[in-house]
Amino acid sequence: MGKIFVKRCLQKLLEEYESKPYEYWKSVEFPITFERVFEGKEIQVEIHLDESTAEYLQIGVSVDAGWRSLFYPFGITFLVEVPGQPDNP
């Protein structure tokens, strides 16, 4: 499994999870781990809370796509803004 495959996988996961509201992220227990089939290949996914501040949550998504992930971890992060903050309507 190459880097292009992993990038597509991470992009798909980002599209799915980045749209979830703040209330969702405050209600889940981290880490969230699961397996998924993506383009016919089984992958392991871990979603974790990297940082929690008064303004935002930083959520990390990591993918284990086989033996390469042991040496080159693949992941991406995104921010979920806390509603009601001056800059976060």
N, C-alpha and C. Protein backbone atom coordinates (compact mmCIF):
# COMPACT_ATOMS: atom_id res chain seq x y z
N MET A 1 0.84 -1.18 0.00
CA MET A 1 0.00 0.00 0.00
C MET A 1 0.88 1.24 0.00
N GLY A 2 0.69 2.09 -0.96
CA GLY A 2 1.54 3.25 -1.09
C GLY A 2 1.00 4.50 -0.43
N LYS A 3 1.82 5.53 -0.52
CA LYS A 3 1.45 6.82 0.09
C LYS A 3 0.18 7.39 -0.52
N ILE A 4 0.00 7.21 -1.82
CA ILE A 4 -1.18 7.75 -2.49
C ILE A 4 -2.44 7.11 -1.92
N PHE A 5 -2.39 5.80 -1.71
CA PHE A 5 -3.53 5.09 -1.12
C PHE A 5 -3.85 5.66 0.25
N VAL A 6 -2.82 5.83 1.09
CA VAL A 6 -3.02 6.33 2.45
C VAL A 6 -3.55 7.76 2.43
N LYS A 7 -3.05 8.59 1.52
CA LYS A 7 -3.55 9.97 1.42
C LYS A 7 -5.04 9.98 1.06
N ARG A 8 -5.44 9.12 0.12
CA ARG A 8 -6.87 9.05 -0.24
C ARG A 8 -7.70 8.59 0.96
N CYS A 9 -7.18 7.62 1.67
CA CYS A 9 -7.88 7.10 2.84
C CYS A 9 -8.03 8.18 3.90
N LEU A 10 -6.95 8.89 4.21
CA LEU A 10 -7.01 9.97 5.20
C LEU A 10 -7.95 11.08 4.77
N GLN A 11 -7.95 11.42 3.49
CA GLN A 11 -8.83 12.47 2.99
C GLN A 11 -10.29 12.07 3.17
N LYS A 12 -10.60 10.81 2.89
CA LYS A 12 -11.97 10.32 3.05
C LYS A 12 -12.39 10.37 4.53
N LEU A 13 -11.49 9.94 5.42
CA LEU A 13 -11.79 9.99 6.85
C LEU A 13 -11.95 11.42 7.33
N LEU A 14 -11.10 12.32 6.83
CA LEU A 14 -11.19 13.72 7.20
C LEU A 14 -12.54 14.30 6.79
N GLU A 15 -12.98 14.02 5.57
CA GLU A 15 -14.28 14.50 5.10
C GLU A 15 -15.41 13.99 6.00
N GLU A 16 -15.30 12.75 6.43
CA GLU A 16 -16.35 12.15 7.25
C GLU A 16 -16.38 12.72 8.67
N TYR A 17 -15.22 12.88 9.28
CA TYR A 17 -15.18 13.25 10.69
C TYR A 17 -15.04 14.74 10.96
N GLU A 18 -14.48 15.49 10.05
CA GLU A 18 -14.32 16.92 10.25
C GLU A 18 -15.66 17.64 10.33
N SER A 19 -16.68 17.08 9.72
CA SER A 19 -18.00 17.74 9.70
C SER A 19 -18.81 17.50 10.98
N LYS A 20 -18.34 16.62 11.85
CA LYS A 20 -19.07 16.35 13.09
C LYS A 20 -18.96 17.56 14.02
N PRO A 21 -20.06 17.90 14.70
CA PRO A 21 -20.07 19.11 15.53
C PRO A 21 -19.29 18.93 16.84
N TYR A 22 -19.01 20.03 17.47
CA TYR A 22 -18.30 20.07 18.75
C TYR A 22 -18.98 19.16 19.77
N GLU A 23 -20.31 19.19 19.83
CA GLU A 23 -21.05 18.39 20.81
C GLU A 23 -20.75 16.90 20.65
N TYR A 24 -20.58 16.45 19.42
CA TYR A 24 -20.22 15.04 19.18
C TYR A 24 -18.88 14.73 19.81
N TRP A 25 -17.88 15.57 19.54
CA TRP A 25 -16.52 15.31 20.02
C TRP A 25 -16.42 15.37 21.53
N LYS A 26 -17.23 16.22 22.17
CA LYS A 26 -17.20 16.30 23.64
C LYS A 26 -17.87 15.08 24.28
N SER A 27 -18.67 14.34 23.52
CA SER A 27 -19.41 13.22 24.09
C SER A 27 -18.75 11.85 23.89
N VAL A 28 -17.70 11.78 23.09
CA VAL A 28 -17.08 10.49 22.81
C VAL A 28 -15.90 10.24 23.75
N GLU A 29 -15.54 8.97 23.90
CA GLU A 29 -14.37 8.59 24.66
C GLU A 29 -13.23 8.31 23.69
N PHE A 30 -12.09 8.88 23.97
CA PHE A 30 -10.91 8.70 23.13
C PHE A 30 -9.98 7.68 23.77
N PRO A 31 -9.23 6.96 22.99
CA PRO A 31 -9.22 6.95 21.53
C PRO A 31 -10.38 6.14 20.97
N ILE A 32 -10.76 6.48 19.76
CA ILE A 32 -11.74 5.72 19.01
C ILE A 32 -10.94 4.85 18.04
N THR A 33 -11.11 3.56 18.10
CA THR A 33 -10.37 2.67 17.20
C THR A 33 -11.35 1.76 16.47
N PHE A 34 -11.07 1.51 15.21
CA PHE A 34 -11.91 0.62 14.42
C PHE A 34 -11.16 0.18 13.17
N GLU A 35 -11.69 -0.85 12.55
CA GLU A 35 -11.16 -1.32 11.27
C GLU A 35 -12.18 -0.99 10.19
N ARG A 36 -11.67 -0.75 9.00
CA ARG A 36 -12.52 -0.40 7.87
C ARG A 36 -11.90 -0.94 6.60
N VAL A 37 -12.75 -1.27 5.65
CA VAL A 37 -12.25 -1.66 4.34
C VAL A 37 -12.32 -0.43 3.46
N PHE A 38 -11.19 -0.08 2.87
CA PHE A 38 -11.10 1.08 1.99
C PHE A 38 -10.45 0.61 0.69
N GLU A 39 -11.16 0.79 -0.40
CA GLU A 39 -10.69 0.36 -1.71
C GLU A 39 -10.24 -1.09 -1.69
N GLY A 40 -11.01 -1.92 -0.97
CA GLY A 40 -10.74 -3.35 -0.94
C GLY A 40 -9.65 -3.80 0.01
N LYS A 41 -9.06 -2.88 0.76
CA LYS A 41 -7.99 -3.22 1.69
C LYS A 41 -8.41 -2.87 3.11
N GLU A 42 -8.08 -3.74 4.06
CA GLU A 42 -8.43 -3.49 5.45
C GLU A 42 -7.41 -2.56 6.08
N ILE A 43 -7.93 -1.55 6.76
CA ILE A 43 -7.07 -0.59 7.46
C ILE A 43 -7.53 -0.48 8.90
N GLN A 44 -6.63 -0.06 9.77
CA GLN A 44 -6.98 0.22 11.16
C GLN A 44 -6.90 1.72 11.34
N VAL A 45 -7.90 2.26 12.03
CA VAL A 45 -8.01 3.71 12.23
C VAL A 45 -8.03 4.00 13.72
N GLU A 46 -7.33 5.05 14.10
CA GLU A 46 -7.42 5.54 15.48
C GLU A 46 -7.68 7.04 15.43
N ILE A 47 -8.70 7.46 16.17
CA ILE A 47 -9.03 8.88 16.29
C ILE A 47 -8.76 9.26 17.73
N HIS A 48 -7.97 10.30 17.93
CA HIS A 48 -7.56 10.67 19.27
C HIS A 48 -7.64 12.18 19.46
N LEU A 49 -7.77 12.57 20.73
CA LEU A 49 -7.80 13.99 21.09
C LEU A 49 -6.36 14.43 21.35
N ASP A 50 -5.85 15.30 20.50
CA ASP A 50 -4.48 15.79 20.65
C ASP A 50 -4.39 16.96 21.61
N GLU A 51 -5.41 17.83 21.58
CA GLU A 51 -5.37 19.03 22.43
C GLU A 51 -6.79 19.53 22.66
N SER A 52 -7.04 20.03 23.86
CA SER A 52 -8.33 20.61 24.21
C SER A 52 -8.08 21.96 24.87
N THR A 53 -8.58 23.03 24.26
CA THR A 53 -8.44 24.36 24.82
C THR A 53 -9.82 25.00 24.94
N ALA A 54 -9.88 26.20 25.46
CA ALA A 54 -11.15 26.91 25.56
C ALA A 54 -11.68 27.30 24.18
N GLU A 55 -10.80 27.38 23.19
CA GLU A 55 -11.19 27.81 21.84
C GLU A 55 -11.43 26.66 20.86
N TYR A 56 -10.74 25.53 21.05
CA TYR A 56 -10.84 24.46 20.05
C TYR A 56 -10.43 23.11 20.64
N LEU A 57 -10.80 22.06 19.91
CA LEU A 57 -10.30 20.71 20.12
C LEU A 57 -9.46 20.37 18.90
N GLN A 58 -8.30 19.78 19.11
CA GLN A 58 -7.50 19.29 17.98
C GLN A 58 -7.64 17.78 17.96
N ILE A 59 -8.22 17.28 16.88
CA ILE A 59 -8.49 15.86 16.72
C ILE A 59 -7.47 15.28 15.75
N GLY A 60 -6.89 14.14 16.11
CA GLY A 60 -5.94 13.45 15.24
C GLY A 60 -6.53 12.17 14.71
N VAL A 61 -6.23 11.88 13.45
CA VAL A 61 -6.68 10.64 12.81
C VAL A 61 -5.43 9.94 12.29
N SER A 62 -5.21 8.70 12.76
CA SER A 62 -4.06 7.92 12.32
C SER A 62 -4.55 6.66 11.62
N VAL A 63 -3.79 6.25 10.61
CA VAL A 63 -4.15 5.07 9.83
C VAL A 63 -2.97 4.10 9.84
N ASP A 64 -3.28 2.85 10.16
CA ASP A 64 -2.30 1.78 10.04
C ASP A 64 -2.70 0.99 8.81
N ALA A 65 -1.91 1.16 7.77
CA ALA A 65 -2.24 0.52 6.49
C ALA A 65 -1.33 -0.67 6.21
N GLY A 66 -0.78 -1.28 7.24
CA GLY A 66 0.09 -2.42 7.03
C GLY A 66 1.46 -2.18 7.61
N TRP A 67 2.40 -2.98 7.20
CA TRP A 67 3.75 -2.95 7.79
C TRP A 67 4.44 -1.60 7.67
N ARG A 68 4.18 -0.83 6.62
CA ARG A 68 4.85 0.46 6.44
C ARG A 68 4.53 1.44 7.57
N SER A 69 3.34 1.34 8.13
CA SER A 69 2.94 2.27 9.17
C SER A 69 3.79 2.14 10.43
N LEU A 70 4.42 0.97 10.60
CA LEU A 70 5.28 0.79 11.75
C LEU A 70 6.49 1.72 11.68
N PHE A 71 6.93 2.03 10.47
CA PHE A 71 8.11 2.86 10.28
C PHE A 71 7.76 4.30 9.89
N TYR A 72 6.65 4.47 9.21
CA TYR A 72 6.22 5.78 8.74
C TYR A 72 4.75 5.98 9.12
N PRO A 73 4.49 6.46 10.33
CA PRO A 73 3.08 6.62 10.72
C PRO A 73 2.38 7.65 9.83
N PHE A 74 1.14 7.35 9.51
CA PHE A 74 0.35 8.23 8.65
C PHE A 74 -0.78 8.83 9.48
N GLY A 75 -0.91 10.14 9.42
CA GLY A 75 -1.97 10.77 10.18
C GLY A 75 -2.25 12.18 9.71
N ILE A 76 -3.33 12.72 10.25
CA ILE A 76 -3.74 14.07 9.92
C ILE A 76 -4.49 14.61 11.14
N THR A 77 -4.49 15.92 11.32
CA THR A 77 -5.25 16.51 12.41
C THR A 77 -6.17 17.60 11.86
N PHE A 78 -7.19 17.91 12.65
CA PHE A 78 -8.08 19.01 12.30
C PHE A 78 -8.59 19.64 13.59
N LEU A 79 -9.08 20.87 13.46
CA LEU A 79 -9.59 21.61 14.61
C LEU A 79 -11.11 21.66 14.60
N VAL A 80 -11.67 21.54 15.78
CA VAL A 80 -13.11 21.71 15.98
C VAL A 80 -13.25 22.90 16.91
N GLU A 81 -13.85 23.96 16.42
CA GLU A 81 -13.97 25.19 17.21
C GLU A 81 -15.06 25.04 18.26
N VAL A 82 -14.80 25.59 19.44
CA VAL A 82 -15.78 25.60 20.52
C VAL A 82 -16.81 26.69 20.21
N PRO A 83 -18.07 26.35 20.12
CA PRO A 83 -19.07 27.37 19.82
C PRO A 83 -19.21 28.37 20.96
N GLY A 84 -19.59 29.59 20.60
CA GLY A 84 -19.82 30.61 21.60
C GLY A 84 -18.60 31.44 21.96
N GLN A 85 -17.45 31.12 21.42
CA GLN A 85 -16.25 31.91 21.65
C GLN A 85 -16.33 33.14 20.74
N PRO A 86 -15.68 34.25 21.10
CA PRO A 86 -15.76 35.49 20.31
C PRO A 86 -15.47 35.30 18.82
N ASP A 87 -14.48 34.47 18.50
CA ASP A 87 -14.14 34.25 17.08
C ASP A 87 -14.85 33.07 16.48
N ASN A 88 -15.68 32.35 17.27
CA ASN A 88 -16.35 31.15 16.82
C ASN A 88 -17.86 31.28 17.02
N PRO A 89 -18.55 31.85 16.07
CA PRO A 89 -19.99 32.05 16.24
C PRO A 89 -20.76 30.74 16.40
